[in-house]
Amino acid sequence: MARSGAYMANPDAVRPLLSEDEWGFWYEGRPAEGEIRDQDGIVIAVAGERREGGDYAKRMSRVRVWNTVMNEHNYLVRNWEASLSEPVRRVREPAFAGSPAGPAPERRKSP
């Protein structure tokens, strides 16, 4: 994940999988000591370059989450659950001549 520019929720689990240079570049905001490659092996940073935005703590301190529930949430959930618990009512479509649900077509009488 780090090599694609994303962070893991538990950075300590990632640390053993990255070199010291990669850890410093991705998580500590240090300049790269050598080439930093992405997950496909393509060079994305050369020695001396820093990741834009700073270290992990600085980047995460700017993340904001808007997590609210609209006023109608409980009403909608109750009604949705109620509709799921009701038996299915089949609506009979209008019958047309020749359909299994409709009247049989008139037959001509033989002379």
Protein backbone atom coordinates (compact mmCIF):
# COMPACT_ATOMS: atom_id res chain seq x y z
CA MET A 1 0.00 0.00 0.00
CA ALA A 2 2.75 2.47 0.87
CA ARG A 3 4.37 2.00 -2.52
CA SER A 4 1.11 3.06 -4.17
CA GLY A 5 0.95 6.19 -2.01
CA ALA A 6 -1.64 4.97 0.49
CA TYR A 7 -1.32 4.42 4.22
CA MET A 8 -2.27 1.35 6.21
CA ALA A 9 -4.38 1.78 9.34
CA ASN A 10 -1.65 0.00 11.30
CA PRO A 11 1.70 1.38 10.08
CA ASP A 12 3.69 -0.86 12.43
CA ALA A 13 2.53 -3.88 10.43
CA VAL A 14 3.97 -2.33 7.27
CA ARG A 15 7.34 -1.27 8.63
CA PRO A 16 9.06 -4.69 8.33
CA LEU A 17 8.07 -4.82 4.65
CA LEU A 18 9.72 -1.49 3.73
CA SER A 19 13.39 -0.57 3.63
CA GLU A 20 14.58 2.17 6.00
CA ASP A 21 14.73 4.57 3.05
CA GLU A 22 11.16 3.74 1.99
CA TRP A 23 9.89 4.05 5.58
CA GLY A 24 11.60 7.40 5.95
CA PHE A 25 10.20 8.65 2.63
CA TRP A 26 6.61 7.42 3.02
CA TYR A 27 6.01 7.69 6.77
CA GLU A 28 8.58 10.04 8.28
CA GLY A 29 8.64 12.69 5.56
CA ARG A 30 12.41 12.41 5.10
CA PRO A 31 14.07 13.03 1.73
CA ALA A 32 14.78 9.86 -0.24
CA GLU A 33 18.33 8.58 0.09
CA GLY A 34 18.07 6.66 -3.17
CA GLU A 35 15.43 5.79 -5.74
CA ILE A 36 11.94 5.19 -4.41
CA ARG A 37 9.91 2.83 -6.56
CA ASP A 38 6.20 2.19 -6.74
CA GLN A 39 4.55 -1.25 -6.56
CA ASP A 40 5.40 -1.86 -10.23
CA GLY A 41 9.07 -1.01 -9.79
CA ILE A 42 8.85 2.36 -11.57
CA VAL A 43 11.00 5.10 -10.05
CA ILE A 44 8.74 7.76 -8.55
CA ALA A 45 11.28 9.70 -6.47
CA VAL A 46 15.03 10.17 -6.69
CA ALA A 47 17.56 10.96 -3.96
CA GLY A 48 16.76 14.22 -2.19
CA GLU A 49 13.05 14.34 -3.05
CA ARG A 50 10.41 14.43 -0.33
CA ARG A 51 6.85 13.24 -0.42
CA GLU A 52 4.51 16.18 -0.80
CA GLY A 53 2.48 16.86 2.32
CA GLY A 54 4.94 15.93 5.04
CA ASP A 55 5.19 12.95 7.33
CA TYR A 56 2.41 10.54 8.28
CA ALA A 57 1.36 12.42 11.43
CA LYS A 58 1.19 15.76 9.61
CA ARG A 59 -0.78 14.29 6.70
CA MET A 60 -3.23 12.49 8.97
CA SER A 61 -3.72 15.57 11.15
CA ARG A 62 -5.30 17.27 8.12
CA VAL A 63 -7.82 14.50 7.47
CA ARG A 64 -11.37 15.44 8.38
CA VAL A 65 -14.27 13.04 8.51
CA TRP A 66 -17.85 14.11 8.33
CA ASN A 67 -19.83 11.31 9.85
CA THR A 68 -23.40 12.23 10.54
CA VAL A 69 -26.74 10.54 10.18
CA MET A 70 -29.65 12.40 8.67
CA ASN A 71 -32.71 13.00 10.82
CA GLU A 72 -34.80 10.63 8.71
CA HIS A 73 -32.39 7.71 9.09
CA ASN A 74 -34.26 5.83 11.83
CA TYR A 75 -37.60 6.38 10.13
CA LEU A 76 -36.28 5.08 6.82
CA VAL A 77 -34.59 2.04 8.37
CA ARG A 78 -37.74 1.07 10.31
CA ASN A 79 -39.90 1.36 7.20
CA TRP A 80 -37.40 -0.47 5.02
CA GLU A 81 -37.20 -3.35 7.50
CA ALA A 82 -40.99 -3.43 7.76
CA SER A 83 -41.34 -3.61 4.00
CA LEU A 84 -38.86 -6.49 3.86
CA SER A 85 -40.78 -8.45 6.48
CA GLU A 86 -44.12 -8.20 4.66
CA PRO A 87 -45.11 -11.12 2.47
CA VAL A 88 -44.63 -10.57 -1.22
CA ARG A 89 -47.85 -9.60 -2.94
CA ARG A 90 -48.00 -10.56 -6.54
CA VAL A 91 -49.81 -8.14 -8.76
CA ARG A 92 -51.65 -9.82 -11.56
CA GLU A 93 -50.97 -8.15 -14.84
CA PRO A 94 -53.85 -7.43 -17.17
CA ALA A 95 -54.71 -10.51 -19.14
CA PHE A 96 -54.70 -10.49 -22.89
CA ALA A 97 -56.19 -12.96 -25.32
CA GLY A 98 -54.15 -16.11 -25.50
CA SER A 99 -52.17 -15.63 -22.33
CA PRO A 100 -52.30 -18.35 -19.70
CA ALA A 101 -53.82 -15.84 -17.29
CA GLY A 102 -56.38 -14.55 -19.73
CA PRO A 103 -59.42 -15.89 -21.47
CA ALA A 104 -58.89 -18.39 -24.21
CA PRO A 105 -59.29 -16.99 -27.70
CA GLU A 106 -62.58 -17.72 -29.39
CA ARG A 107 -62.52 -20.67 -31.74
CA ARG A 108 -64.24 -20.72 -35.06
CA LYS A 109 -66.82 -23.35 -35.48
CA SER A 110 -66.40 -25.72 -38.37
CA PRO A 111 -69.16 -25.65 -40.98
